[in-house]
Amino acid sequence: MAGTSSESQFVTFSLENEVFAVPVSVVREILDHEDAFKIPHGPDYLLGLRDVRGQGVPVIDLRLRLGMTKTEKTPHTRALVLDVPMGDKTLTLGLVADRVFEVIPFREEEIEGAPDIGVRWRSDYIAGVVRRNGGFVVIVDLARLFSGAEVAMMGSANRLAATA
């Protein structure tokens, strides 16, 4: 009996020794990491603004946002430029990752809900977990990761870049 299985494509990346994923549908491009233009009085995880094809894009250190240690730049460090749907708007931002691995399909039935598995970050940022190679891949819920106040702050950062 052949069952129908829907699957979605995800981009996997690492932060410290953990593997995370975001839907490939929100990834605009993956760039080498460059230092960002600093924005005064921003939260510590907001590294600043980066010019991406003429658009000022806020760059986030996802490790800091998730309560991990600050990202140390290596030859493998990348910035994922994402277009995240937030209600009737789209939030464009860059997430710094230690390393980007691959685009991989996950079948819907492979994705488990956010379990209490003893991870260090709040589980409401986890859209799901997939078991892979003896470990876990954590799918980040980007819409929940950034609250309304943070979206407003990044919108201000985008306006600042537009006037610079």
Protein backbone atom coordinates (compact mmCIF):
# COMPACT_ATOMS: atom_id res chain seq x y z
CA MET A 1 0.00 0.00 0.00
CA ALA A 2 1.60 3.17 -1.15
CA GLY A 3 0.89 6.13 1.09
CA THR A 4 1.03 9.69 0.05
CA SER A 5 3.59 11.71 1.88
CA SER A 6 4.06 15.40 1.64
CA GLU A 7 7.50 16.77 2.20
CA SER A 8 8.99 20.20 2.51
CA GLN A 9 12.47 21.43 1.73
CA PHE A 10 14.61 22.94 4.51
CA VAL A 11 18.03 24.59 4.70
CA THR A 12 20.06 23.12 7.55
CA PHE A 13 22.75 25.03 9.42
CA SER A 14 24.69 24.78 12.67
CA LEU A 15 24.99 26.92 15.76
CA GLU A 16 27.64 25.54 18.10
CA ASN A 17 27.09 21.77 17.90
CA GLU A 18 23.34 21.94 17.24
CA VAL A 19 21.69 21.58 13.83
CA PHE A 20 18.81 23.88 12.91
CA ALA A 21 16.64 24.29 9.85
CA VAL A 22 14.45 26.91 8.21
CA PRO A 23 12.09 26.40 5.27
CA VAL A 24 13.89 26.88 1.97
CA SER A 25 10.90 28.96 0.84
CA VAL A 26 11.98 31.86 3.12
CA VAL A 27 15.70 31.77 2.18
CA ARG A 28 16.49 34.42 -0.41
CA GLU A 29 20.21 33.78 -0.53
CA ILE A 30 23.21 32.62 1.48
CA LEU A 31 26.17 34.97 1.72
CA ASP A 32 29.62 35.01 3.24
CA HIS A 33 29.57 36.70 6.62
CA GLU A 34 30.77 40.29 6.64
CA ASP A 35 30.87 42.78 9.47
CA ALA A 36 27.65 44.79 9.65
CA PHE A 37 27.17 48.55 10.02
CA LYS A 38 26.60 48.99 13.77
CA ILE A 39 23.34 50.47 15.02
CA PRO A 40 23.51 52.28 18.38
CA HIS A 41 21.20 51.14 21.20
CA GLY A 42 20.14 47.92 19.47
CA PRO A 43 19.85 44.63 21.33
CA ASP A 44 23.07 42.64 21.59
CA TYR A 45 21.93 40.06 19.03
CA LEU A 46 21.36 42.79 16.38
CA LEU A 47 24.77 42.98 14.74
CA GLY A 48 23.76 45.88 12.51
CA LEU A 49 22.85 46.46 8.90
CA ARG A 50 24.26 44.92 5.78
CA ASP A 51 23.78 46.03 2.22
CA VAL A 52 22.19 43.20 0.24
CA ARG A 53 21.77 44.20 -3.39
CA GLY A 54 20.88 47.78 -2.48
CA GLN A 55 18.66 46.91 0.50
CA GLY A 56 19.67 47.55 4.12
CA VAL A 57 19.09 44.23 5.90
CA PRO A 58 19.27 43.84 9.71
CA VAL A 59 21.71 41.07 10.63
CA ILE A 60 20.97 38.89 13.67
CA ASP A 61 23.39 36.73 15.64
CA LEU A 62 20.98 33.82 16.10
CA ARG A 63 23.25 32.25 18.70
CA LEU A 64 22.82 35.28 20.95
CA ARG A 65 19.08 35.45 20.21
CA LEU A 66 18.74 31.86 21.41
CA GLY A 67 20.82 32.43 24.55
CA MET A 68 24.00 30.81 23.24
CA THR A 69 27.47 32.34 23.10
CA LYS A 70 28.34 34.97 20.50
CA THR A 71 29.24 33.75 17.01
CA GLU A 72 32.96 33.67 16.32
CA LYS A 73 33.63 34.37 12.65
CA THR A 74 35.32 31.50 10.79
CA PRO A 75 35.82 30.74 7.08
CA HIS A 76 32.56 28.71 7.29
CA THR A 77 30.38 31.45 8.85
CA ARG A 78 27.48 32.44 6.61
CA ALA A 79 24.54 34.84 6.61
CA LEU A 80 21.19 33.45 5.51
CA VAL A 81 19.12 36.27 4.03
CA LEU A 82 15.50 35.46 4.80
CA ASP A 83 12.14 36.91 3.78
CA VAL A 84 9.91 35.93 6.70
CA PRO A 85 6.14 36.41 6.33
CA MET A 86 4.82 38.28 9.39
CA GLY A 87 1.09 38.74 8.97
CA ASP A 88 0.56 41.09 6.03
CA LYS A 89 4.25 42.13 5.94
CA THR A 90 7.52 40.47 5.07
CA LEU A 91 10.46 40.82 7.43
CA THR A 92 13.79 40.66 5.63
CA LEU A 93 16.74 39.82 7.83
CA GLY A 94 20.08 38.09 7.85
CA LEU A 95 20.74 35.26 10.28
CA VAL A 96 24.36 34.44 11.03
CA ALA A 97 25.09 30.71 11.16
CA ASP A 98 28.32 28.91 12.00
CA ARG A 99 27.97 26.75 8.92
CA VAL A 100 25.31 26.05 6.29
CA PHE A 101 25.00 22.38 5.41
CA GLU A 102 22.42 21.58 2.75
CA VAL A 103 18.90 21.73 1.43
CA ILE A 104 17.09 18.60 2.54
CA PRO A 105 13.51 17.33 2.33
CA PHE A 106 11.69 16.33 5.51
CA ARG A 107 8.50 14.30 5.22
CA GLU A 108 5.61 15.69 7.21
CA GLU A 109 5.42 12.56 9.37
CA GLU A 110 9.11 12.93 10.32
CA ILE A 111 8.51 16.29 11.96
CA GLU A 112 7.67 15.98 15.65
CA GLY A 113 6.17 18.72 17.74
CA ALA A 114 8.33 20.83 20.02
CA PRO A 115 9.21 18.32 22.73
CA ASP A 116 10.58 18.96 26.16
CA ILE A 117 14.00 17.49 25.37
CA GLY A 118 16.03 19.56 27.78
CA VAL A 119 17.23 22.12 25.27
CA ARG A 120 18.47 25.47 26.52
CA TRP A 121 16.10 27.73 24.63
CA ARG A 122 12.39 28.31 24.95
CA SER A 123 10.43 25.68 23.08
CA ASP A 124 7.96 28.17 21.60
CA TYR A 125 10.69 29.07 19.08
CA ILE A 126 10.71 25.47 17.86
CA ALA A 127 8.34 24.64 15.02
CA GLY A 128 9.34 21.01 15.12
CA VAL A 129 12.12 18.50 15.55
CA VAL A 130 13.38 15.86 13.12
CA ARG A 131 15.52 12.91 14.18
CA ARG A 132 18.54 12.59 11.91
CA ASN A 133 21.85 10.71 12.13
CA GLY A 134 21.38 9.94 15.83
CA GLY A 135 20.64 13.55 16.73
CA PHE A 136 18.02 16.19 16.20
CA VAL A 137 17.42 18.92 13.68
CA VAL A 138 15.46 21.79 15.23
CA ILE A 139 13.15 23.63 12.85
CA VAL A 140 13.05 27.28 13.91
CA ASP A 141 9.67 29.02 13.99
CA LEU A 142 10.86 32.35 12.59
CA ALA A 143 7.52 34.12 13.09
CA ARG A 144 7.56 33.29 16.82
CA LEU A 145 11.26 33.94 17.23
CA PHE A 146 10.77 37.62 16.56
CA SER A 147 8.07 39.30 18.62
CA GLY A 148 6.11 42.31 17.47
CA ALA A 149 8.44 44.72 19.30
CA GLU A 150 11.48 43.18 17.64
CA VAL A 151 9.87 43.40 14.23
CA ALA A 152 9.15 47.09 14.87
CA MET A 153 12.78 47.61 15.90
CA MET A 154 14.07 45.92 12.76
CA GLY A 155 11.65 47.96 10.70
CA SER A 156 13.26 51.04 12.22
CA ALA A 157 16.65 49.64 11.28
CA ASN A 158 15.48 49.23 7.69
CA ARG A 159 14.19 52.84 7.63
CA LEU A 160 17.52 54.02 9.05
CA ALA A 161 19.32 52.21 6.23
CA ALA A 162 17.02 53.78 3.65
CA THR A 163 17.91 57.29 4.84
CA ALA A 164 21.68 56.63 5.14
